[in-house]
PDB file of all heavy atoms in Angstrom:
ATOM      1  N   ILE A   1       2.521 -25.266 -30.783  1.00  0.00           N
ATOM      2  CA  ILE A   1       2.987 -25.703 -29.459  1.00  0.00           C
ATOM      3  C   ILE A   1       2.373 -27.079 -29.157  1.00  0.00           C
ATOM      4  O   ILE A   1       1.128 -27.271 -29.187  1.00  0.00           O
ATOM      5  CB  ILE A   1       2.556 -24.703 -28.412  1.00  0.00           C
ATOM      6  CG1 ILE A   1       3.154 -23.351 -28.701  1.00  0.00           C
ATOM      7  CG2 ILE A   1       3.010 -25.203 -27.013  1.00  0.00           C
ATOM      8  CD1 ILE A   1       2.692 -22.242 -27.750  1.00  0.00           C
ATOM      9  N   VAL A   2       3.232 -28.088 -28.913  1.00  0.00           N
ATOM     10  CA  VAL A   2       2.812 -29.456 -28.689  1.00  0.00           C
ATOM     11  C   VAL A   2       3.203 -29.836 -27.220  1.00  0.00           C
ATOM     12  O   VAL A   2       4.298 -29.498 -26.732  1.00  0.00           O
ATOM     13  CB  VAL A   2       3.548 -30.369 -29.671  1.00  0.00           C
ATOM     14  CG1 VAL A   2       3.174 -31.845 -29.374  1.00  0.00           C
ATOM     15  CG2 VAL A   2       3.248 -30.017 -31.057  1.00  0.00           C
ATOM     16  N   SER A   3       2.336 -30.541 -26.550  1.00  0.00           N
ATOM     17  CA  SER A   3       2.604 -30.897 -25.151  1.00  0.00           C
ATOM     18  C   SER A   3       3.363 -32.205 -25.021  1.00  0.00           C
ATOM     19  O   SER A   3       2.999 -33.192 -24.400  1.00  0.00           O
ATOM     20  CB  SER A   3       1.231 -31.068 -24.349  1.00  0.00           C
ATOM     21  OG  SER A   3       0.436 -32.025 -25.020  1.00  0.00           O
ATOM     22  N   LYS A   4       4.577 -32.190 -25.688  1.00  0.00           N
ATOM     23  CA  LYS A   4       5.536 -33.232 -25.570  1.00  0.00           C
ATOM     24  C   LYS A   4       6.900 -32.604 -25.507  1.00  0.00           C
ATOM     25  O   LYS A   4       7.212 -31.569 -26.043  1.00  0.00           O
ATOM     26  CB  LYS A   4       5.504 -34.227 -26.839  1.00  0.00           C
ATOM     27  CG  LYS A   4       4.194 -35.006 -26.849  1.00  0.00           C
ATOM     28  CD  LYS A   4       4.244 -35.997 -27.982  1.00  0.00           C
ATOM     29  CE  LYS A   4       3.030 -36.845 -28.094  1.00  0.00           C
ATOM     30  NZ  LYS A   4       3.052 -37.827 -29.214  1.00  0.00           N
ATOM     31  N   PRO A   5       7.805 -33.279 -24.720  1.00  0.00           N
ATOM     32  CA  PRO A   5       9.195 -32.706 -24.649  1.00  0.00           C
ATOM     33  C   PRO A   5       9.995 -32.849 -25.897  1.00  0.00           C
ATOM     34  O   PRO A   5       9.708 -33.672 -26.790  1.00  0.00           O
ATOM     35  CB  PRO A   5       9.809 -33.588 -23.496  1.00  0.00           C
ATOM     36  CG  PRO A   5       9.063 -34.902 -23.624  1.00  0.00           C
ATOM     37  CD  PRO A   5       7.676 -34.512 -23.981  1.00  0.00           C
ATOM     38  N   LEU A   6      11.066 -32.006 -25.967  1.00  0.00           N
ATOM     39  CA  LEU A   6      11.849 -31.938 -27.230  1.00  0.00           C
ATOM     40  C   LEU A   6      12.537 -33.318 -27.484  1.00  0.00           C
ATOM     41  O   LEU A   6      12.715 -33.676 -28.650  1.00  0.00           O
ATOM     42  CB  LEU A   6      12.916 -30.858 -27.033  1.00  0.00           C
ATOM     43  CG  LEU A   6      13.792 -30.604 -28.295  1.00  0.00           C
ATOM     44  CD1 LEU A   6      12.914 -30.148 -29.451  1.00  0.00           C
ATOM     45  CD2 LEU A   6      14.727 -29.446 -28.004  1.00  0.00           C
ATOM     46  N   LYS A   7      12.846 -34.037 -26.467  1.00  0.00           N
ATOM     47  CA  LYS A   7      13.579 -35.334 -26.603  1.00  0.00           C
ATOM     48  C   LYS A   7      12.726 -36.286 -27.492  1.00  0.00           C
ATOM     49  O   LYS A   7      13.233 -37.151 -28.225  1.00  0.00           O
ATOM     50  CB  LYS A   7      13.907 -35.963 -25.326  1.00  0.00           C
ATOM     51  CG  LYS A   7      12.791 -36.431 -24.475  1.00  0.00           C
ATOM     52  CD  LYS A   7      13.267 -36.997 -23.163  1.00  0.00           C
ATOM     53  CE  LYS A   7      12.091 -37.535 -22.323  1.00  0.00           C
ATOM     54  NZ  LYS A   7      12.562 -38.154 -21.081  1.00  0.00           N
ATOM     55  N   ASN A   8      11.430 -36.145 -27.429  1.00  0.00           N
ATOM     56  CA  ASN A   8      10.507 -36.997 -28.225  1.00  0.00           C
ATOM     57  C   ASN A   8      10.775 -36.817 -29.700  1.00  0.00           C
ATOM     58  O   ASN A   8      10.682 -37.710 -30.540  1.00  0.00           O
ATOM     59  CB  ASN A   8       9.045 -36.699 -27.878  1.00  0.00           C
ATOM     60  CG  ASN A   8       8.077 -37.710 -28.550  1.00  0.00           C
ATOM     61  OD1 ASN A   8       7.942 -38.857 -28.150  1.00  0.00           O
ATOM     62  ND2 ASN A   8       7.564 -37.233 -29.655  1.00  0.00           N
ATOM     63  N   TYR A   9      10.973 -35.474 -30.073  1.00  0.00           N
ATOM     64  CA  TYR A   9      11.162 -35.189 -31.488  1.00  0.00           C
ATOM     65  C   TYR A   9      12.629 -35.270 -31.932  1.00  0.00           C
ATOM     66  O   TYR A   9      12.936 -35.456 -33.112  1.00  0.00           O
ATOM     67  CB  TYR A   9      10.607 -33.686 -31.746  1.00  0.00           C
ATOM     68  CG  TYR A   9       9.129 -33.772 -31.501  1.00  0.00           C
ATOM     69  CD1 TYR A   9       8.545 -33.192 -30.391  1.00  0.00           C
ATOM     70  CD2 TYR A   9       8.236 -34.277 -32.440  1.00  0.00           C
ATOM     71  CE1 TYR A   9       7.208 -33.220 -30.177  1.00  0.00           C
ATOM     72  CE2 TYR A   9       6.876 -34.331 -32.244  1.00  0.00           C
ATOM     73  CZ  TYR A   9       6.336 -33.741 -31.110  1.00  0.00           C
ATOM     74  OH  TYR A   9       4.999 -33.810 -30.879  1.00  0.00           O
ATOM     75  N   GLU A  10      13.619 -35.127 -31.014  1.00  0.00           N
ATOM     76  CA  GLU A  10      14.964 -35.327 -31.246  1.00  0.00           C
ATOM     77  C   GLU A  10      15.153 -36.702 -31.846  1.00  0.00           C
ATOM     78  O   GLU A  10      16.082 -37.008 -32.660  1.00  0.00           O
ATOM     79  CB  GLU A  10      15.859 -35.112 -30.063  1.00  0.00           C
ATOM     80  CG  GLU A  10      17.338 -35.263 -30.324  1.00  0.00           C
ATOM     81  CD  GLU A  10      18.147 -35.048 -29.043  1.00  0.00           C
ATOM     82  OE1 GLU A  10      17.547 -35.119 -27.935  1.00  0.00           O
ATOM     83  OE2 GLU A  10      19.405 -34.945 -29.134  1.00  0.00           O
ATOM     84  N   SER A  11      14.430 -37.716 -31.279  1.00  0.00           N
ATOM     85  CA  SER A  11      14.598 -39.091 -31.722  1.00  0.00           C
ATOM     86  C   SER A  11      14.117 -39.403 -33.080  1.00  0.00           C
ATOM     87  O   SER A  11      14.381 -40.447 -33.592  1.00  0.00           O
ATOM     88  CB  SER A  11      13.878 -39.998 -30.761  1.00  0.00           C
ATOM     89  OG  SER A  11      12.482 -39.862 -30.758  1.00  0.00           O
ATOM     90  N   ILE A  12      13.336 -38.461 -33.701  1.00  0.00           N
ATOM     91  CA  ILE A  12      12.766 -38.721 -35.068  1.00  0.00           C
ATOM     92  C   ILE A  12      13.236 -37.647 -36.054  1.00  0.00           C
ATOM     93  O   ILE A  12      13.428 -37.975 -37.252  1.00  0.00           O
ATOM     94  CB  ILE A  12      11.185 -38.715 -35.069  1.00  0.00           C
ATOM     95  CG1 ILE A  12      10.649 -37.472 -34.435  1.00  0.00           C
ATOM     96  CG2 ILE A  12      10.723 -39.988 -34.335  1.00  0.00           C
ATOM     97  CD1 ILE A  12       9.057 -37.474 -34.531  1.00  0.00           C
ATOM     98  N   LEU A  13      13.553 -36.497 -35.584  1.00  0.00           N
ATOM     99  CA  LEU A  13      14.156 -35.419 -36.477  1.00  0.00           C
ATOM    100  C   LEU A  13      15.650 -35.501 -36.286  1.00  0.00           C
ATOM    101  O   LEU A  13      16.194 -34.754 -35.414  1.00  0.00           O
ATOM    102  CB  LEU A  13      13.641 -34.035 -36.159  1.00  0.00           C
ATOM    103  CG  LEU A  13      12.058 -34.018 -36.342  1.00  0.00           C
ATOM    104  CD1 LEU A  13      11.582 -32.589 -35.844  1.00  0.00           C
ATOM    105  CD2 LEU A  13      11.669 -34.196 -37.795  1.00  0.00           C
ATOM    106  N   GLN A  14      16.313 -36.286 -37.025  1.00  0.00           N
ATOM    107  CA  GLN A  14      17.733 -36.679 -36.737  1.00  0.00           C
ATOM    108  C   GLN A  14      18.753 -36.032 -37.749  1.00  0.00           C
ATOM    109  O   GLN A  14      18.350 -35.659 -38.866  1.00  0.00           O
ATOM    110  CB  GLN A  14      17.851 -38.186 -36.729  1.00  0.00           C
ATOM    111  CG  GLN A  14      17.055 -38.856 -35.691  1.00  0.00           C
ATOM    112  CD  GLN A  14      17.201 -40.403 -35.655  1.00  0.00           C
ATOM    113  OE1 GLN A  14      17.676 -40.989 -36.675  1.00  0.00           O
ATOM    114  NE2 GLN A  14      16.873 -40.989 -34.536  1.00  0.00           N
ATOM    115  N   PRO A  15      20.031 -36.097 -37.413  1.00  0.00           N
ATOM    116  CA  PRO A  15      21.073 -35.746 -38.383  1.00  0.00           C
ATOM    117  C   PRO A  15      21.032 -36.590 -39.585  1.00  0.00           C
ATOM    118  O   PRO A  15      20.590 -37.786 -39.441  1.00  0.00           O
ATOM    119  CB  PRO A  15      22.355 -35.895 -37.594  1.00  0.00           C
ATOM    120  CG  PRO A  15      21.969 -35.812 -36.137  1.00  0.00           C
ATOM    121  CD  PRO A  15      20.599 -36.388 -36.069  1.00  0.00           C
ATOM    122  N   PRO A  16      21.391 -36.143 -40.740  1.00  0.00           N
ATOM    123  CA  PRO A  16      22.081 -34.810 -41.005  1.00  0.00           C
ATOM    124  C   PRO A  16      21.101 -33.677 -41.211  1.00  0.00           C
ATOM    125  O   PRO A  16      21.580 -32.527 -41.308  1.00  0.00           O
ATOM    126  CB  PRO A  16      22.876 -35.149 -42.279  1.00  0.00           C
ATOM    127  CG  PRO A  16      22.007 -36.094 -43.010  1.00  0.00           C
ATOM    128  CD  PRO A  16      21.405 -36.961 -41.997  1.00  0.00           C
ATOM    129  N   ASP A  17      19.803 -33.977 -41.237  1.00  0.00           N
ATOM    130  CA  ASP A  17      18.842 -32.849 -41.541  1.00  0.00           C
ATOM    131  C   ASP A  17      18.602 -31.983 -40.352  1.00  0.00           C
ATOM    132  O   ASP A  17      18.424 -30.747 -40.461  1.00  0.00           O
ATOM    133  CB  ASP A  17      17.554 -33.441 -42.084  1.00  0.00           C
ATOM    134  CG  ASP A  17      17.691 -34.169 -43.371  1.00  0.00           C
ATOM    135  OD1 ASP A  17      18.391 -33.707 -44.209  1.00  0.00           O
ATOM    136  OD2 ASP A  17      17.189 -35.304 -43.468  1.00  0.00           O
ATOM    137  N   PHE A  18      18.515 -32.549 -39.136  1.00  0.00           N
ATOM    138  CA  PHE A  18      18.252 -31.804 -37.922  1.00  0.00           C
ATOM    139  C   PHE A  18      19.376 -32.108 -36.922  1.00  0.00           C
ATOM    140  O   PHE A  18      20.027 -33.140 -36.998  1.00  0.00           O
ATOM    141  CB  PHE A  18      16.932 -32.258 -37.306  1.00  0.00           C
ATOM    142  CG  PHE A  18      15.743 -31.675 -38.066  1.00  0.00           C
ATOM    143  CD1 PHE A  18      15.300 -32.262 -39.190  1.00  0.00           C
ATOM    144  CD2 PHE A  18      15.078 -30.549 -37.592  1.00  0.00           C
ATOM    145  CE1 PHE A  18      14.237 -31.768 -39.906  1.00  0.00           C
ATOM    146  CE2 PHE A  18      14.039 -30.004 -38.324  1.00  0.00           C
ATOM    147  CZ  PHE A  18      13.601 -30.593 -39.481  1.00  0.00           C
ATOM    148  N   PHE A  19      19.555 -31.167 -36.006  1.00  0.00           N
ATOM    149  CA  PHE A  19      20.650 -31.327 -34.936  1.00  0.00           C
ATOM    150  C   PHE A  19      20.276 -30.572 -33.691  1.00  0.00           C
ATOM    151  O   PHE A  19      19.781 -29.436 -33.803  1.00  0.00           O
ATOM    152  CB  PHE A  19      21.995 -30.805 -35.502  1.00  0.00           C
ATOM    153  CG  PHE A  19      23.159 -31.198 -34.597  1.00  0.00           C
ATOM    154  CD1 PHE A  19      23.711 -32.410 -34.636  1.00  0.00           C
ATOM    155  CD2 PHE A  19      23.643 -30.217 -33.704  1.00  0.00           C
ATOM    156  CE1 PHE A  19      24.792 -32.726 -33.829  1.00  0.00           C
ATOM    157  CE2 PHE A  19      24.734 -30.521 -32.871  1.00  0.00           C
ATOM    158  CZ  PHE A  19      25.316 -31.759 -32.959  1.00  0.00           C
ATOM    159  N   ARG A  20      20.377 -31.180 -32.616  1.00  0.00           N
ATOM    160  CA  ARG A  20      20.087 -30.519 -31.301  1.00  0.00           C
ATOM    161  C   ARG A  20      21.351 -29.801 -30.925  1.00  0.00           C
ATOM    162  O   ARG A  20      22.287 -30.428 -30.326  1.00  0.00           O
ATOM    163  CB  ARG A  20      19.626 -31.520 -30.287  1.00  0.00           C
ATOM    164  CG  ARG A  20      19.084 -30.855 -28.991  1.00  0.00           C
ATOM    165  CD  ARG A  20      18.270 -31.756 -28.129  1.00  0.00           C
ATOM    166  NE  ARG A  20      17.732 -31.086 -26.975  1.00  0.00           N
ATOM    167  CZ  ARG A  20      16.900 -31.628 -26.100  1.00  0.00           C
ATOM    168  NH1 ARG A  20      16.580 -32.856 -26.205  1.00  0.00           N
ATOM    169  NH2 ARG A  20      16.396 -30.890 -25.073  1.00  0.00           N
ATOM    170  N   VAL A  21      21.321 -28.538 -31.120  1.00  0.00           N
ATOM    171  CA  VAL A  21      22.589 -27.713 -30.839  1.00  0.00           C
ATOM    172  C   VAL A  21      22.608 -27.201 -29.373  1.00  0.00           C
ATOM    173  O   VAL A  21      23.663 -26.699 -28.997  1.00  0.00           O
ATOM    174  CB  VAL A  21      22.663 -26.498 -31.783  1.00  0.00           C
ATOM    175  CG1 VAL A  21      22.770 -26.958 -33.242  1.00  0.00           C
ATOM    176  CG2 VAL A  21      21.363 -25.578 -31.598  1.00  0.00           C
ATOM    177  N   HIS A  22      21.584 -27.346 -28.693  1.00  0.00           N
ATOM    178  CA  HIS A  22      21.434 -26.850 -27.311  1.00  0.00           C
ATOM    179  C   HIS A  22      20.320 -27.655 -26.579  1.00  0.00           C
ATOM    180  O   HIS A  22      19.460 -28.189 -27.164  1.00  0.00           O
ATOM    181  CB  HIS A  22      21.120 -25.387 -27.388  1.00  0.00           C
ATOM    182  CG  HIS A  22      21.177 -24.607 -26.129  1.00  0.00           C
ATOM    183  ND1 HIS A  22      20.125 -24.639 -25.153  1.00  0.00           N
ATOM    184  CD2 HIS A  22      22.146 -23.766 -25.557  1.00  0.00           C
ATOM    185  CE1 HIS A  22      20.426 -23.857 -24.148  1.00  0.00           C
ATOM    186  NE2 HIS A  22      21.619 -23.363 -24.317  1.00  0.00           N
ATOM    187  N   GLN A  23      20.424 -27.570 -25.275  1.00  0.00           N
ATOM    188  CA  GLN A  23      19.341 -28.235 -24.475  1.00  0.00           C
ATOM    189  C   GLN A  23      17.973 -27.767 -24.834  1.00  0.00           C
ATOM    190  O   GLN A  23      17.015 -28.565 -24.749  1.00  0.00           O
ATOM    191  CB  GLN A  23      19.595 -28.022 -22.987  1.00  0.00           C
ATOM    192  CG  GLN A  23      18.666 -28.753 -22.123  1.00  0.00           C
ATOM    193  CD  GLN A  23      18.920 -28.611 -20.565  1.00  0.00           C
ATOM    194  OE1 GLN A  23      20.002 -28.010 -20.290  1.00  0.00           O
ATOM    195  NE2 GLN A  23      18.038 -29.059 -19.730  1.00  0.00           N
ATOM    196  N   SER A  24      17.860 -26.490 -25.289  1.00  0.00           N
ATOM    197  CA  SER A  24      16.553 -25.927 -25.584  1.00  0.00           C
ATOM    198  C   SER A  24      16.150 -25.917 -27.056  1.00  0.00           C
ATOM    199  O   SER A  24      15.054 -25.619 -27.369  1.00  0.00           O
ATOM    200  CB  SER A  24      16.515 -24.500 -25.069  1.00  0.00           C
ATOM    201  OG  SER A  24      16.677 -24.492 -23.652  1.00  0.00           O
ATOM    202  N   TYR A  25      17.156 -26.210 -27.917  1.00  0.00           N
ATOM    203  CA  TYR A  25      16.854 -26.037 -29.348  1.00  0.00           C
ATOM    204  C   TYR A  25      17.271 -27.264 -30.239  1.00  0.00           C
ATOM    205  O   TYR A  25      18.353 -27.843 -30.075  1.00  0.00           O
ATOM    206  CB  TYR A  25      17.603 -24.883 -29.901  1.00  0.00           C
ATOM    207  CG  TYR A  25      17.315 -23.532 -29.222  1.00  0.00           C
ATOM    208  CD1 TYR A  25      18.051 -23.011 -28.178  1.00  0.00           C
ATOM    209  CD2 TYR A  25      16.182 -22.831 -29.643  1.00  0.00           C
ATOM    210  CE1 TYR A  25      17.685 -21.820 -27.608  1.00  0.00           C
ATOM    211  CE2 TYR A  25      15.843 -21.635 -29.053  1.00  0.00           C
ATOM    212  CZ  TYR A  25      16.601 -21.140 -28.007  1.00  0.00           C
ATOM    213  OH  TYR A  25      16.245 -19.966 -27.401  1.00  0.00           O
ATOM    214  N   LEU A  26      16.357 -27.498 -31.142  1.00  0.00           N
ATOM    215  CA  LEU A  26      16.625 -28.499 -32.237  1.00  0.00           C
ATOM    216  C   LEU A  26      16.417 -27.791 -33.556  1.00  0.00           C
ATOM    217  O   LEU A  26      15.339 -27.190 -33.774  1.00  0.00           O
ATOM    218  CB  LEU A  26      15.657 -29.691 -32.161  1.00  0.00           C
ATOM    219  CG  LEU A  26      15.657 -30.790 -33.250  1.00  0.00           C
ATOM    220  CD1 LEU A  26      16.968 -31.593 -33.073  1.00  0.00           C
ATOM    221  CD2 LEU A  26      14.480 -31.715 -33.098  1.00  0.00           C
ATOM    222  N   ILE A  27      17.399 -27.755 -34.335  1.00  0.00           N
ATOM    223  CA  ILE A  27      17.342 -26.896 -35.609  1.00  0.00           C
ATOM    224  C   ILE A  27      17.338 -27.741 -36.861  1.00  0.00           C
ATOM    225  O   ILE A  27      17.866 -28.859 -36.934  1.00  0.00           O
ATOM    226  CB  ILE A  27      18.521 -25.900 -35.646  1.00  0.00           C
ATOM    227  CG1 ILE A  27      19.874 -26.602 -35.829  1.00  0.00           C
ATOM    228  CG2 ILE A  27      18.544 -25.036 -34.399  1.00  0.00           C
ATOM    229  CD1 ILE A  27      21.009 -25.679 -36.229  1.00  0.00           C
ATOM    230  N   ASN A  28      16.747 -27.107 -37.942  1.00  0.00           N
ATOM    231  CA  ASN A  28      16.788 -27.725 -39.288  1.00  0.00           C
ATOM    232  C   ASN A  28      18.073 -27.199 -39.970  1.00  0.00           C
ATOM    233  O   ASN A  28      18.184 -25.974 -40.237  1.00  0.00           O
ATOM    234  CB  ASN A  28      15.577 -27.314 -40.050  1.00  0.00           C
ATOM    235  CG  ASN A  28      15.455 -27.879 -41.410  1.00  0.00           C
ATOM    236  OD1 ASN A  28      16.493 -28.396 -41.989  1.00  0.00           O
ATOM    237  ND2 ASN A  28      14.310 -28.000 -42.015  1.00  0.00           N
ATOM    238  N   ASN A  29      19.029 -28.083 -40.224  1.00  0.00           N
ATOM    239  CA  ASN A  29      20.296 -27.586 -40.761  1.00  0.00           C
ATOM    240  C   ASN A  29      20.126 -27.014 -42.155  1.00  0.00           C
ATOM    241  O   ASN A  29      21.026 -26.243 -42.551  1.00  0.00           O
ATOM    242  CB  ASN A  29      21.284 -28.870 -40.850  1.00  0.00           C
ATOM    243  CG  ASN A  29      21.618 -29.372 -39.461  1.00  0.00           C
ATOM    244  OD1 ASN A  29      21.678 -28.607 -38.506  1.00  0.00           O
ATOM    245  ND2 ASN A  29      21.865 -30.684 -39.402  1.00  0.00           N
ATOM    246  N   HIS A  30      19.054 -27.284 -42.855  1.00  0.00           N
ATOM    247  CA  HIS A  30      18.853 -26.692 -44.164  1.00  0.00           C
ATOM    248  C   HIS A  30      18.364 -25.191 -44.067  1.00  0.00           C
ATOM    249  O   HIS A  30      18.265 -24.612 -45.090  1.00  0.00           O
ATOM    250  CB  HIS A  30      17.866 -27.533 -44.970  1.00  0.00           C
ATOM    251  CG  HIS A  30      18.364 -28.911 -45.146  1.00  0.00           C
ATOM    252  ND1 HIS A  30      19.468 -29.300 -45.930  1.00  0.00           N
ATOM    253  CD2 HIS A  30      17.836 -30.122 -44.667  1.00  0.00           C
ATOM    254  CE1 HIS A  30      19.609 -30.638 -45.907  1.00  0.00           C
ATOM    255  NE2 HIS A  30      18.642 -31.123 -45.168  1.00  0.00           N
ATOM    256  N   CYS A  31      18.035 -24.853 -42.897  1.00  0.00           N
ATOM    257  CA  CYS A  31      17.483 -23.498 -42.658  1.00  0.00           C
ATOM    258  C   CYS A  31      18.514 -22.532 -42.010  1.00  0.00           C
ATOM    259  O   CYS A  31      18.178 -21.472 -41.492  1.00  0.00           O
ATOM    260  CB  CYS A  31      16.188 -23.470 -41.825  1.00  0.00           C
ATOM    261  SG  CYS A  31      14.811 -24.424 -42.557  1.00  0.00           S
ATOM    262  N   ILE A  32      19.773 -22.996 -41.971  1.00  0.00           N
ATOM    263  CA  ILE A  32      20.832 -22.123 -41.377  1.00  0.00           C
ATOM    264  C   ILE A  32      21.317 -21.197 -42.481  1.00  0.00           C
ATOM    265  O   ILE A  32      21.560 -21.497 -43.601  1.00  0.00           O
ATOM    266  CB  ILE A  32      22.032 -22.972 -40.875  1.00  0.00           C
ATOM    267  CG1 ILE A  32      21.608 -23.964 -39.790  1.00  0.00           C
ATOM    268  CG2 ILE A  32      23.286 -22.138 -40.503  1.00  0.00           C
ATOM    269  CD1 ILE A  32      22.659 -24.950 -39.439  1.00  0.00           C
ATOM    270  N   THR A  33      21.452 -19.851 -42.060  1.00  0.00           N
ATOM    271  CA  THR A  33      21.986 -18.856 -43.015  1.00  0.00           C
ATOM    272  C   THR A  33      23.462 -18.584 -42.679  1.00  0.00           C
ATOM    273  O   THR A  33      24.163 -18.243 -43.590  1.00  0.00           O
ATOM    274  CB  THR A  33      21.219 -17.539 -43.026  1.00  0.00           C
ATOM    275  OG1 THR A  33      21.125 -17.030 -41.668  1.00  0.00           O
ATOM    276  CG2 THR A  33      19.743 -17.821 -43.454  1.00  0.00           C
ATOM    277  N   SER A  34      23.825 -18.668 -41.412  1.00  0.00           N
ATOM    278  CA  SER A  34      25.243 -18.518 -41.070  1.00  0.00           C
ATOM    279  C   SER A  34      25.440 -19.011 -39.616  1.00  0.00           C
ATOM    280  O   SER A  34      24.551 -19.186 -38.821  1.00  0.00           O
ATOM    281  CB  SER A  34      25.614 -16.979 -41.112  1.00  0.00           C
ATOM    282  OG  SER A  34      24.944 -16.256 -40.129  1.00  0.00           O
ATOM    283  N   TYR A  35      26.671 -19.295 -39.303  1.00  0.00           N
ATOM    284  CA  TYR A  35      27.105 -19.670 -37.992  1.00  0.00           C
ATOM    285  C   TYR A  35      28.514 -19.186 -37.635  1.00  0.00           C
ATOM    286  O   TYR A  35      29.237 -19.059 -38.624  1.00  0.00           O
ATOM    287  CB  TYR A  35      26.972 -21.157 -37.737  1.00  0.00           C
ATOM    288  CG  TYR A  35      27.819 -22.031 -38.564  1.00  0.00           C
ATOM    289  CD1 TYR A  35      29.034 -22.474 -38.164  1.00  0.00           C
ATOM    290  CD2 TYR A  35      27.320 -22.476 -39.842  1.00  0.00           C
ATOM    291  CE1 TYR A  35      29.884 -23.266 -38.929  1.00  0.00           C
ATOM    292  CE2 TYR A  35      28.137 -23.276 -40.665  1.00  0.00           C
ATOM    293  CZ  TYR A  35      29.426 -23.637 -40.175  1.00  0.00           C
ATOM    294  OH  TYR A  35      30.158 -24.491 -40.988  1.00  0.00           O
ATOM    295  N   SER A  36      28.817 -18.938 -36.417  1.00  0.00           N
ATOM    296  CA  SER A  36      30.123 -18.388 -36.057  1.00  0.00           C
ATOM    297  C   SER A  36      30.879 -19.381 -35.178  1.00  0.00           C
ATOM    298  O   SER A  36      30.312 -20.241 -34.558  1.00  0.00           O
ATOM    299  CB  SER A  36      29.906 -17.077 -35.245  1.00  0.00           C
ATOM    300  OG  SER A  36      29.404 -17.350 -33.986  1.00  0.00           O
ATOM    301  N   ARG A  37      32.217 -19.173 -35.199  1.00  0.00           N
ATOM    302  CA  ARG A  37      33.015 -20.041 -34.265  1.00  0.00           C
ATOM    303  C   ARG A  37      32.847 -19.778 -32.808  1.00  0.00           C
ATOM    304  O   ARG A  37      33.140 -20.609 -31.976  1.00  0.00           O
ATOM    305  CB  ARG A  37      34.515 -19.736 -34.635  1.00  0.00           C
ATOM    306  CG  ARG A  37      34.932 -20.312 -35.981  1.00  0.00           C
ATOM    307  CD  ARG A  37      34.980 -21.783 -35.914  1.00  0.00           C
ATOM    308  NE  ARG A  37      35.265 -22.400 -37.229  1.00  0.00           N
ATOM    309  CZ  ARG A  37      35.250 -23.731 -37.462  1.00  0.00           C
ATOM    310  NH1 ARG A  37      34.989 -24.581 -36.463  1.00  0.00           N
ATOM    311  NH2 ARG A  37      35.493 -24.204 -38.634  1.00  0.00           N
ATOM    312  N   GLU A  38      32.159 -18.615 -32.611  1.00  0.00           N
ATOM    313  CA  GLU A  38      31.848 -18.311 -31.214  1.00  0.00           C
ATOM    314  C   GLU A  38      30.663 -19.080 -30.675  1.00  0.00           C
ATOM    315  O   GLU A  38      30.384 -19.105 -29.425  1.00  0.00           O
ATOM    316  CB  GLU A  38      31.620 -16.756 -31.066  1.00  0.00           C
ATOM    317  CG  GLU A  38      32.844 -15.911 -31.104  1.00  0.00           C
ATOM    318  CD  GLU A  38      33.372 -15.883 -32.594  1.00  0.00           C
ATOM    319  OE1 GLU A  38      32.549 -15.919 -33.500  1.00  0.00           O
ATOM    320  OE2 GLU A  38      34.628 -15.810 -32.692  1.00  0.00           O
ATOM    321  N   GLY A  39      29.982 -19.698 -31.617  1.00  0.00           N
ATOM    322  CA  GLY A  39      28.821 -20.583 -31.214  1.00  0.00           C
ATOM    323  C   GLY A  39      27.507 -19.929 -31.334  1.00  0.00           C
ATOM    324  O   GLY A  39      26.607 -20.254 -30.526  1.00  0.00           O
ATOM    325  N   MET A  40      27.258 -19.144 -32.375  1.00  0.00           N
ATOM    326  CA  MET A  40      25.920 -18.586 -32.640  1.00  0.00           C
ATOM    327  C   MET A  40      25.441 -18.944 -34.053  1.00  0.00           C
ATOM    328  O   MET A  40      26.272 -18.886 -34.942  1.00  0.00           O
ATOM    329  CB  MET A  40      25.976 -17.036 -32.495  1.00  0.00           C
ATOM    330  CG  MET A  40      26.314 -16.596 -31.039  1.00  0.00           C
ATOM    331  SD  MET A  40      25.247 -17.229 -29.730  1.00  0.00           S
ATOM    332  CE  MET A  40      23.653 -16.406 -30.089  1.00  0.00           C
ATOM    333  N   ILE A  41      24.241 -19.344 -34.172  1.00  0.00           N
ATOM    334  CA  ILE A  41      23.662 -19.727 -35.432  1.00  0.00           C
ATOM    335  C   ILE A  41      22.557 -18.801 -35.846  1.00  0.00           C
ATOM    336  O   ILE A  41      21.661 -18.510 -34.971  1.00  0.00           O
ATOM    337  CB  ILE A  41      23.094 -21.156 -35.395  1.00  0.00           C
ATOM    338  CG1 ILE A  41      24.175 -22.165 -34.969  1.00  0.00           C
ATOM    339  CG2 ILE A  41      22.516 -21.541 -36.700  1.00  0.00           C
ATOM    340  CD1 ILE A  41      23.698 -23.548 -34.622  1.00  0.00           C
ATOM    341  N   GLU A  42      22.561 -18.264 -37.052  1.00  0.00           N
ATOM    342  CA  GLU A  42      21.402 -17.489 -37.532  1.00  0.00           C
ATOM    343  C   GLU A  42      20.555 -18.375 -38.424  1.00  0.00           C
ATOM    344  O   GLU A  42      21.077 -18.945 -39.427  1.00  0.00           O
ATOM    345  CB  GLU A  42      21.924 -16.250 -38.265  1.00  0.00           C
ATOM    346  CG  GLU A  42      20.749 -15.325 -38.718  1.00  0.00           C
ATOM    347  CD  GLU A  42      21.150 -14.061 -39.317  1.00  0.00           C
ATOM    348  OE1 GLU A  42      22.283 -13.563 -38.957  1.00  0.00           O
ATOM    349  OE2 GLU A  42      20.380 -13.537 -40.146  1.00  0.00           O
TER     350      GLU A  42
END
């Protein structure tokens, strides 16, 4: 847990490796196992 907002890390962990899929989440695209058209990522 780091005392900095997510936007600070969104600016350095960028596509194509990372993607901010939601206001609350920034994900590593290489760690996705599945995703649905309904909009859920595992």
